[in-house]
N, C-alpha and C. Protein backbone atom coordinates (compact mmCIF):
# COMPACT_ATOMS: atom_id res chain seq x y z
N MET A 1 42.19 105.88 -169.92
CA MET A 1 41.23 105.71 -170.12
C MET A 1 40.63 105.41 -171.91
N ALA A 2 40.67 104.50 -171.88
CA ALA A 2 40.02 104.10 -173.47
C ALA A 2 38.68 104.35 -173.75
N VAL A 3 38.56 105.07 -174.74
CA VAL A 3 36.98 105.07 -175.33
C VAL A 3 37.25 104.25 -176.83
N ASP A 4 36.45 103.24 -176.76
CA ASP A 4 36.44 102.54 -177.60
C ASP A 4 35.62 103.35 -179.09
N ARG A 5 35.79 102.88 -180.19
CA ARG A 5 34.61 104.10 -181.52
C ARG A 5 33.46 104.22 -181.89
N ARG A 6 33.00 103.06 -180.93
CA ARG A 6 31.51 103.19 -181.23
C ARG A 6 31.11 103.90 -180.29
N THR A 7 31.73 104.22 -179.29
CA THR A 7 31.34 104.53 -177.85
C THR A 7 31.43 106.49 -178.27
N ALA A 8 32.39 106.68 -178.51
CA ALA A 8 32.87 107.57 -179.33
C ALA A 8 32.25 108.43 -180.26
N LEU A 9 31.64 107.64 -181.27
CA LEU A 9 30.80 108.06 -182.46
C LEU A 9 29.52 108.44 -181.86
N LYS A 10 28.78 107.54 -180.90
CA LYS A 10 27.80 107.91 -180.38
C LYS A 10 27.19 109.09 -179.18
N THR A 11 28.53 109.66 -178.56
CA THR A 11 28.49 110.59 -178.00
C THR A 11 28.75 112.12 -179.33
N VAL A 12 29.14 111.78 -179.82
CA VAL A 12 29.60 113.21 -180.81
C VAL A 12 28.36 113.00 -181.57
N SER A 13 27.42 112.50 -181.83
CA SER A 13 26.27 112.18 -182.73
C SER A 13 24.97 112.67 -181.59
N VAL A 14 25.40 112.38 -180.20
CA VAL A 14 24.42 112.66 -179.32
C VAL A 14 24.40 114.07 -179.54
N LEU A 15 25.90 114.94 -179.14
CA LEU A 15 26.49 116.11 -179.29
C LEU A 15 25.87 117.36 -180.01
N ALA A 16 25.93 116.41 -181.34
CA ALA A 16 26.05 117.38 -182.32
C ALA A 16 23.86 117.33 -182.71
N LEU A 17 23.25 115.94 -181.94
CA LEU A 17 21.94 116.30 -182.56
C LEU A 17 21.58 117.47 -181.33
N GLY A 18 21.81 117.28 -180.47
CA GLY A 18 21.54 118.48 -179.18
C GLY A 18 22.13 119.74 -179.53
N LEU A 19 23.16 120.35 -180.20
CA LEU A 19 23.01 121.60 -180.75
C LEU A 19 22.15 121.96 -181.85
N GLN A 20 22.04 120.81 -182.67
CA GLN A 20 20.72 121.17 -183.53
C GLN A 20 19.87 121.66 -183.12
N VAL A 21 19.36 120.85 -182.25
CA VAL A 21 17.94 120.92 -181.49
C VAL A 21 17.32 122.10 -180.72
N GLU A 22 18.73 122.68 -180.06
CA GLU A 22 19.26 124.20 -179.15
C GLU A 22 18.85 124.78 -180.30
N ALA A 23 19.54 124.89 -181.47
CA ALA A 23 19.57 125.82 -182.50
C ALA A 23 18.15 126.58 -183.28
N GLU A 24 17.74 125.16 -183.03
CA GLU A 24 16.43 124.97 -183.48
C GLU A 24 15.22 125.78 -182.40
N ALA A 25 15.14 125.30 -181.60
CA ALA A 25 14.58 125.75 -180.39
C ALA A 25 14.68 127.35 -180.14
N LEU A 26 15.93 128.15 -180.67
CA LEU A 26 15.98 129.67 -180.17
C LEU A 26 15.79 130.04 -181.76
N ARG A 27 15.44 129.45 -182.81
CA ARG A 27 14.96 130.25 -183.63
C ARG A 27 13.97 130.37 -183.96
N PRO A 28 13.41 131.67 -184.09
CA PRO A 28 12.01 131.95 -184.16
C PRO A 28 11.15 131.58 -185.23
N ALA A 29 9.99 131.58 -184.68
CA ALA A 29 9.34 131.19 -186.41
C ALA A 29 9.27 132.44 -186.93
N GLU A 30 9.23 132.01 -188.33
CA GLU A 30 9.35 132.91 -189.46
C GLU A 30 8.80 134.75 -189.18
N ALA A 31 7.55 134.68 -188.96
CA ALA A 31 6.70 135.68 -188.51
C ALA A 31 6.97 135.98 -187.73
N GLU A 32 7.49 135.51 -186.06
CA GLU A 32 8.11 136.38 -185.61
C GLU A 32 9.44 136.63 -185.41
N ASN A 33 9.67 136.24 -185.93
CA ASN A 33 11.68 136.65 -186.53
C ASN A 33 11.48 137.83 -187.22
N ILE A 34 10.64 138.35 -188.12
CA ILE A 34 10.01 139.50 -188.73
C ILE A 34 9.75 140.46 -187.79
N ASP A 35 9.45 140.31 -186.64
CA ASP A 35 8.92 141.41 -185.78
C ASP A 35 9.56 141.77 -184.76
N ALA A 36 10.55 140.46 -184.69
CA ALA A 36 11.68 140.79 -183.64
C ALA A 36 12.92 141.47 -184.23
N ASN A 37 13.11 141.31 -185.47
CA ASN A 37 13.87 142.27 -186.45
C ASN A 37 13.58 143.50 -186.50
N GLU A 38 12.28 143.90 -186.76
CA GLU A 38 11.89 144.97 -187.05
C GLU A 38 12.22 146.11 -185.63
N MET A 39 11.77 145.07 -184.41
CA MET A 39 11.88 145.95 -182.97
C MET A 39 13.48 146.12 -182.48
N ILE A 40 14.34 145.14 -183.00
CA ILE A 40 15.40 145.20 -182.75
C ILE A 40 16.13 146.40 -183.54
N GLU A 41 15.91 146.73 -184.81
CA GLU A 41 16.14 147.44 -185.89
C GLU A 41 15.87 148.91 -185.31
N ALA A 42 14.53 149.16 -185.09
CA ALA A 42 13.91 150.04 -184.46
C ALA A 42 14.80 150.48 -183.36
N ARG A 43 14.89 149.54 -182.11
CA ARG A 43 15.40 149.97 -180.69
C ARG A 43 17.08 150.19 -181.34
N ARG A 44 17.60 149.70 -181.83
CA ARG A 44 18.97 149.97 -182.46
C ARG A 44 19.27 151.25 -183.06
N THR A 45 18.14 152.05 -183.85
CA THR A 45 18.04 153.32 -184.51
C THR A 45 17.83 154.47 -183.09
N ALA A 46 17.19 154.00 -182.45
CA ALA A 46 16.37 154.82 -180.99
C ALA A 46 18.13 155.23 -180.28
N MET A 47 18.78 153.83 -180.44
CA MET A 47 19.57 153.93 -178.93
C MET A 47 21.41 154.99 -179.83
N SER A 48 21.06 154.40 -180.92
CA SER A 48 22.20 154.86 -181.81
C SER A 48 22.06 156.35 -181.67
N ASN A 49 21.06 157.51 -181.31
CA ASN A 49 21.25 158.56 -181.27
C ASN A 49 21.52 158.85 -179.65
N VAL A 50 22.06 158.28 -178.88
CA VAL A 50 22.23 158.51 -177.76
C VAL A 50 23.21 159.64 -177.46
N ASN A 51 24.43 160.00 -177.92
CA ASN A 51 24.84 161.10 -178.11
C ASN A 51 24.46 162.34 -178.80
N GLU A 52 23.46 162.15 -179.39
CA GLU A 52 22.87 163.37 -180.02
C GLU A 52 22.02 163.79 -179.11
N ILE A 53 21.32 162.63 -178.47
CA ILE A 53 20.30 163.25 -176.95
C ILE A 53 21.24 164.09 -176.21
N VAL A 54 22.02 163.45 -175.74
CA VAL A 54 22.74 164.26 -174.23
C VAL A 54 23.06 165.35 -174.72
N VAL A 55 23.87 165.90 -176.09
CA VAL A 55 24.51 166.95 -176.67
C VAL A 55 23.45 167.86 -176.31
N ARG A 56 22.07 167.39 -176.93
CA ARG A 56 20.66 168.43 -177.41
C ARG A 56 19.99 168.85 -175.80
N TYR A 57 20.55 167.56 -175.13
CA TYR A 57 19.84 167.97 -173.47
C TYR A 57 20.65 169.07 -173.13
N LEU A 58 21.95 169.24 -173.12
CA LEU A 58 23.19 170.10 -172.38
C LEU A 58 22.35 171.34 -173.59
N SER A 59 22.53 171.54 -174.64
CA SER A 59 21.96 172.46 -175.36
C SER A 59 20.50 173.12 -174.81
N VAL A 60 19.87 172.29 -173.97
CA VAL A 60 18.12 172.76 -173.87
C VAL A 60 18.61 173.69 -172.65
N TRP A 61 19.63 172.95 -171.86
CA TRP A 61 19.51 173.78 -170.37
C TRP A 61 20.76 175.48 -170.71
N ASN A 62 21.32 175.67 -171.96
CA ASN A 62 21.86 176.62 -172.51
C ASN A 62 21.31 177.55 -173.22
N GLU A 63 20.09 177.02 -173.60
CA GLU A 63 19.52 178.09 -174.69
C GLU A 63 18.80 179.16 -173.58
N GLN A 64 18.85 180.11 -174.13
CA GLN A 64 18.41 181.46 -173.63
C GLN A 64 17.12 181.87 -174.36
N ASP A 65 16.96 181.39 -175.13
CA ASP A 65 16.36 182.03 -176.51
C ASP A 65 14.62 181.13 -176.14
N ALA A 66 13.94 181.75 -175.47
CA ALA A 66 12.70 180.90 -174.91
C ALA A 66 11.75 180.08 -176.17
N THR A 67 11.49 180.39 -177.18
CA THR A 67 11.14 179.79 -178.38
C THR A 67 11.75 178.57 -178.60
N ARG A 68 13.59 178.78 -178.99
CA ARG A 68 14.18 177.90 -179.21
C ARG A 68 14.39 177.06 -178.52
N ARG A 69 14.40 177.32 -176.70
CA ARG A 69 14.56 176.33 -175.91
C ARG A 69 13.21 175.38 -175.40
N ARG A 70 12.11 176.01 -176.21
CA ARG A 70 10.72 175.07 -176.13
C ARG A 70 10.85 174.02 -177.26
N ASP A 71 11.39 174.39 -178.19
CA ASP A 71 11.57 173.63 -179.29
C ASP A 71 12.36 172.57 -179.14
N LEU A 72 13.62 172.94 -178.55
CA LEU A 72 14.71 171.68 -177.95
C LEU A 72 14.15 170.74 -177.05
N VAL A 73 13.46 171.46 -176.07
CA VAL A 73 12.35 170.80 -174.75
C VAL A 73 11.64 169.40 -175.58
N ALA A 74 11.01 169.82 -176.66
CA ALA A 74 9.92 169.03 -177.72
C ALA A 74 10.68 167.75 -178.27
N LYS A 75 11.96 168.42 -178.72
CA LYS A 75 12.59 167.40 -179.61
C LYS A 75 13.65 166.45 -178.35
N THR A 76 13.96 166.77 -177.31
CA THR A 76 14.55 166.34 -176.53
C THR A 76 14.05 164.87 -175.59
N TRP A 77 12.22 165.74 -175.22
CA TRP A 77 11.95 164.86 -174.73
C TRP A 77 10.53 164.17 -174.75
N SER A 78 10.05 162.91 -174.48
CA SER A 78 8.93 162.32 -174.69
C SER A 78 7.95 163.26 -174.38
N ASP A 79 6.61 163.13 -174.91
CA ASP A 79 5.46 164.47 -174.51
C ASP A 79 5.10 164.16 -172.97
N ASP A 80 5.29 162.91 -172.30
CA ASP A 80 4.99 162.65 -170.55
C ASP A 80 6.72 162.74 -170.39
N GLY A 81 7.75 163.18 -170.61
CA GLY A 81 8.97 163.52 -170.03
C GLY A 81 8.97 164.21 -168.78
N SER A 82 9.97 163.72 -167.97
CA SER A 82 9.95 164.38 -166.47
C SER A 82 11.63 164.47 -166.29
N TYR A 83 11.84 165.49 -165.52
CA TYR A 83 12.96 165.88 -165.09
C TYR A 83 13.16 165.81 -163.42
N VAL A 84 13.85 165.19 -162.31
CA VAL A 84 14.01 165.86 -161.35
C VAL A 84 15.07 166.21 -160.61
N ASP A 85 15.37 166.48 -159.63
CA ASP A 85 16.82 166.68 -158.97
C ASP A 85 16.41 167.17 -157.73
N GLY A 86 17.48 167.49 -156.68
CA GLY A 86 17.03 168.00 -155.77
C GLY A 86 16.59 169.34 -155.13
N ALA A 87 16.76 169.81 -156.11
CA ALA A 87 16.21 171.19 -156.00
C ALA A 87 15.08 171.91 -157.06
N ARG A 88 14.91 171.07 -158.02
CA ARG A 88 13.76 171.19 -158.87
C ARG A 88 13.07 170.10 -159.54
N GLN A 89 11.78 170.38 -160.06
CA GLN A 89 11.14 169.05 -161.01
C GLN A 89 10.43 170.09 -162.25
N GLY A 90 9.76 169.05 -163.32
CA GLY A 90 9.24 169.84 -164.41
C GLY A 90 8.46 168.13 -165.11
N ALA A 91 7.65 168.70 -165.36
CA ALA A 91 7.16 167.48 -166.17
C ALA A 91 6.22 167.61 -167.27
N GLY A 92 6.20 166.96 -168.75
CA GLY A 92 5.39 167.41 -169.58
C GLY A 92 7.05 168.62 -170.27
N HIS A 93 6.12 168.99 -171.46
CA HIS A 93 7.30 170.10 -172.15
C HIS A 93 6.89 171.06 -171.57
N GLY A 94 5.87 171.84 -171.10
CA GLY A 94 6.03 172.87 -170.39
C GLY A 94 6.33 173.23 -169.23
N GLY A 95 6.31 171.92 -168.44
CA GLY A 95 7.10 172.24 -167.21
C GLY A 95 8.39 171.83 -166.97
N ILE A 96 9.06 171.36 -167.87
CA ILE A 96 10.11 171.27 -167.94
C ILE A 96 10.84 172.72 -168.36
N ASP A 97 10.25 173.07 -169.64
CA ASP A 97 10.92 174.50 -169.97
C ASP A 97 10.94 175.35 -168.75
N ALA A 98 9.58 175.51 -168.13
CA ALA A 98 9.50 176.38 -167.29
C ALA A 98 10.77 176.00 -165.87
N MET A 99 10.94 174.63 -165.96
CA MET A 99 11.80 174.62 -164.59
C MET A 99 12.78 174.81 -165.14
N ILE A 100 13.64 174.90 -166.39
CA ILE A 100 14.12 175.21 -166.68
C ILE A 100 15.18 176.51 -167.27
N ALA A 101 13.89 177.54 -167.68
CA ALA A 101 13.97 178.98 -167.62
C ALA A 101 13.74 179.26 -166.04
N LYS A 102 13.61 179.19 -165.20
CA LYS A 102 13.65 179.03 -163.63
C LYS A 102 14.83 179.01 -163.43
N ALA A 103 15.70 178.11 -163.55
CA ALA A 103 17.06 177.89 -163.32
C ALA A 103 17.91 178.88 -163.64
N GLN A 104 17.79 178.90 -165.19
CA GLN A 104 18.91 180.06 -165.49
C GLN A 104 18.48 181.50 -165.10
N GLU A 105 17.29 181.94 -164.84
CA GLU A 105 17.01 183.09 -163.94
C GLU A 105 17.69 183.29 -162.73
N THR A 106 17.40 182.22 -161.76
CA THR A 106 18.35 182.02 -160.88
C THR A 106 19.70 181.79 -160.63
N HIS A 107 20.40 181.01 -162.10
CA HIS A 107 21.70 181.35 -161.90
C HIS A 107 21.93 181.67 -163.37
N PRO A 108 21.76 183.06 -163.63
CA PRO A 108 22.74 183.54 -164.47
C PRO A 108 23.96 183.50 -165.36
N GLY A 109 24.13 183.18 -166.43
CA GLY A 109 25.57 182.82 -166.89
C GLY A 109 25.92 181.43 -166.56
N TYR A 110 25.30 180.75 -166.22
CA TYR A 110 25.74 179.25 -165.96
C TYR A 110 25.56 178.70 -167.72
N ARG A 111 26.23 177.81 -167.89
CA ARG A 111 26.08 176.71 -168.97
C ARG A 111 26.81 175.11 -168.72
N LEU A 112 26.11 174.25 -169.05
CA LEU A 112 26.36 173.28 -168.72
C LEU A 112 27.45 172.59 -169.93
N ALA A 113 28.36 171.90 -169.42
CA ALA A 113 29.13 170.99 -170.37
C ALA A 113 29.16 169.85 -169.88
N LEU A 114 29.64 168.66 -171.13
CA LEU A 114 29.58 167.57 -170.86
C LEU A 114 31.01 167.24 -170.31
N ALA A 115 31.38 166.83 -169.26
CA ALA A 115 32.27 166.53 -168.24
C ALA A 115 32.99 164.89 -167.96
N SER A 116 32.40 164.22 -168.73
CA SER A 116 32.47 162.65 -168.47
C SER A 116 32.21 161.86 -170.28
N GLY A 117 32.43 160.50 -170.15
CA GLY A 117 31.90 159.96 -171.61
C GLY A 117 30.34 159.82 -171.03
N ILE A 118 29.70 159.15 -172.12
CA ILE A 118 28.88 159.29 -172.13
C ILE A 118 28.12 157.47 -171.92
N GLU A 119 27.64 157.03 -170.68
CA GLU A 119 27.44 155.44 -170.45
C GLU A 119 26.08 155.27 -171.12
N THR A 120 25.74 154.08 -171.44
CA THR A 120 24.56 153.49 -172.12
C THR A 120 24.28 152.27 -172.24
N HIS A 121 23.28 151.77 -171.30
CA HIS A 121 23.03 149.88 -171.31
C HIS A 121 21.44 150.36 -171.50
N HIS A 122 20.66 148.87 -172.11
CA HIS A 122 19.30 149.20 -172.55
C HIS A 122 18.53 150.53 -172.40
N GLN A 123 17.88 151.05 -172.14
CA GLN A 123 17.38 152.40 -172.29
C GLN A 123 17.93 153.28 -171.14
N TYR A 124 18.75 152.99 -170.58
CA TYR A 124 19.59 154.13 -169.86
C TYR A 124 20.67 154.59 -170.29
N VAL A 125 21.02 155.94 -170.01
CA VAL A 125 21.97 156.67 -170.59
C VAL A 125 22.27 157.51 -168.80
N ARG A 126 24.11 157.47 -168.42
CA ARG A 126 24.46 158.21 -167.78
C ARG A 126 25.43 159.16 -168.08
N PHE A 127 25.65 160.52 -167.54
CA PHE A 127 26.80 161.36 -168.03
C PHE A 127 26.94 162.19 -166.91
N SER A 128 28.08 162.92 -166.98
CA SER A 128 28.16 163.76 -165.47
C SER A 128 28.77 165.31 -166.81
N TRP A 129 28.07 166.41 -166.05
CA TRP A 129 28.21 167.60 -166.69
C TRP A 129 28.79 168.53 -165.45
N VAL A 130 29.38 169.49 -166.23
CA VAL A 130 29.83 170.96 -165.35
C VAL A 130 29.37 172.19 -165.71
N ALA A 131 29.29 173.38 -164.62
CA ALA A 131 29.01 174.38 -165.07
C ALA A 131 29.49 175.36 -163.89
N GLY A 132 29.60 176.68 -164.40
CA GLY A 132 30.44 177.51 -163.61
C GLY A 132 32.09 177.42 -163.73
N GLY A 133 32.38 177.77 -162.63
CA GLY A 133 34.32 178.41 -162.43
C GLY A 133 34.58 179.42 -163.81
N THR A 134 33.62 180.13 -164.04
CA THR A 134 34.18 181.43 -165.22
C THR A 134 33.72 182.52 -164.27
N ALA A 135 34.10 183.45 -165.16
CA ALA A 135 33.82 185.03 -164.44
C ALA A 135 32.17 185.66 -164.05
N GLU A 136 31.79 185.21 -165.13
CA GLU A 136 30.01 185.22 -165.62
C GLU A 136 29.40 184.26 -164.20
N ALA A 137 29.89 183.20 -164.20
CA ALA A 137 29.46 182.45 -163.13
C ALA A 137 30.31 181.55 -162.05
N PRO A 138 31.00 182.19 -161.31
CA PRO A 138 31.82 181.92 -160.57
C PRO A 138 31.93 180.84 -159.43
N LEU A 139 30.57 180.00 -159.11
CA LEU A 139 30.78 179.28 -158.36
C LEU A 139 30.69 177.82 -159.20
N TYR A 140 31.19 176.73 -158.80
CA TYR A 140 31.63 175.63 -159.73
C TYR A 140 30.37 174.46 -159.43
N ILE A 141 30.10 173.93 -160.53
CA ILE A 141 28.91 173.10 -160.03
C ILE A 141 29.24 171.61 -160.89
N LYS A 142 29.21 170.60 -160.34
CA LYS A 142 29.26 169.29 -161.24
C LYS A 142 27.86 168.53 -160.73
N GLY A 143 27.56 167.53 -161.78
CA GLY A 143 26.81 166.65 -161.43
C GLY A 143 26.46 165.53 -162.49
N THR A 144 25.50 164.44 -162.04
CA THR A 144 25.38 163.41 -162.98
C THR A 144 24.31 163.27 -163.00
N ASP A 145 23.99 163.06 -164.48
CA ASP A 145 22.42 162.82 -164.70
C ASP A 145 21.94 161.25 -165.30
N ILE A 146 21.17 160.74 -165.12
CA ILE A 146 20.39 159.47 -165.08
C ILE A 146 19.28 159.48 -166.13
N GLY A 147 19.26 159.04 -167.01
CA GLY A 147 18.05 159.19 -167.72
C GLY A 147 17.54 158.03 -168.69
N ILE A 148 16.13 158.10 -169.14
CA ILE A 148 15.62 156.88 -169.19
C ILE A 148 15.12 157.08 -170.88
N ILE A 149 15.65 156.37 -171.63
CA ILE A 149 15.26 156.96 -173.31
C ILE A 149 14.15 155.80 -173.88
N ALA A 150 13.06 156.91 -173.91
CA ALA A 150 11.86 156.53 -174.45
C ALA A 150 12.12 155.64 -176.08
N ASP A 151 10.76 154.98 -176.42
CA ASP A 151 11.11 154.19 -177.46
C ASP A 151 11.59 154.81 -178.93
N ASP A 152 10.88 156.12 -178.71
CA ASP A 152 11.13 157.23 -179.92
C ASP A 152 12.00 157.99 -180.07
N GLY A 153 12.89 157.72 -178.87
CA GLY A 153 14.86 158.03 -178.83
C GLY A 153 14.54 158.90 -178.41
N ARG A 154 13.67 159.70 -177.56
CA ARG A 154 13.82 161.06 -176.71
C ARG A 154 13.85 160.02 -175.25
N LEU A 155 14.38 161.85 -174.29
CA LEU A 155 14.28 161.10 -173.08
C LEU A 155 13.11 160.97 -172.52
N LYS A 156 12.66 159.88 -171.90
CA LYS A 156 11.47 159.69 -170.76
C LYS A 156 11.40 160.24 -169.78
N SER A 157 12.62 160.32 -168.88
CA SER A 157 13.01 160.70 -167.68
C SER A 157 14.41 161.19 -167.57
N VAL A 158 14.58 161.95 -166.52
CA VAL A 158 16.23 161.89 -165.88
C VAL A 158 16.07 162.74 -164.74
N ILE A 159 16.85 161.71 -163.77
CA ILE A 159 17.02 162.05 -162.55
C ILE A 159 18.65 162.82 -162.35
N GLY A 160 18.38 163.84 -161.68
CA GLY A 160 19.91 164.20 -161.86
C GLY A 160 20.43 164.73 -160.66
N PHE A 161 21.57 164.56 -160.28
CA PHE A 161 22.22 164.54 -158.84
C PHE A 161 23.77 165.59 -158.80
N VAL A 162 23.88 166.45 -157.74
CA VAL A 162 24.50 167.30 -157.97
C VAL A 162 25.81 166.37 -157.18
N ASP A 163 27.17 166.42 -157.91
CA ASP A 163 28.18 166.00 -157.03
C ASP A 163 28.84 167.05 -156.67
N ALA A 164 29.12 168.16 -157.10
CA ALA A 164 29.80 169.21 -156.35
C ALA A 164 29.56 170.27 -156.32
N ALA A 165 29.40 171.08 -155.35
CA ALA A 165 28.58 172.29 -155.37
C ALA A 165 28.99 173.33 -154.63
N PRO A 166 28.84 174.75 -154.31
CA PRO A 166 29.17 175.61 -153.10
C PRO A 166 28.08 175.05 -152.07
N ALA A 167 28.74 175.30 -150.69
CA ALA A 167 28.03 175.05 -149.72
C ALA A 167 26.90 175.92 -149.48
N ARG A 168 25.70 175.83 -149.15
CA ARG A 168 24.18 176.63 -148.96
C ARG A 168 24.42 177.79 -148.00
N PRO A 169 24.44 178.92 -148.18
CA PRO A 169 24.67 179.78 -147.07
C PRO A 169 23.91 179.66 -146.00
């Protein structure tokens, strides 16, 4: 199938013009571009700290000193943050701290450790942890937590799932 030169040039010109129009449509106005860039940078900064958030989150569960734990809770969760799993729940800094203190009292010697990679997309984070299997805490527990990261880079909410635990008596 032969295409004459004139038809080929018209096709290339139309395609080039279409690409230029698409590029112009995708390019936001200058004022919008500044706001969008600022928003993207703020979001990027918040999400770049996901590893730190997860490490701090695990530290909260392991912190025995009440004053340090409350400080870590405030640094880790947003003011209206929440946690829920099949056995417990807490809302706000005070509620989360009290819930963790009760869990530590109920399960002395248990320390959470990261057991997986940290997966993230959009504002979500997912990771697995383990606890127990030691002389101080003989029963082995493994879980997966899924969190939502607030715009300020702290956790907005966490939902916990137990993946492996001893059978209840």
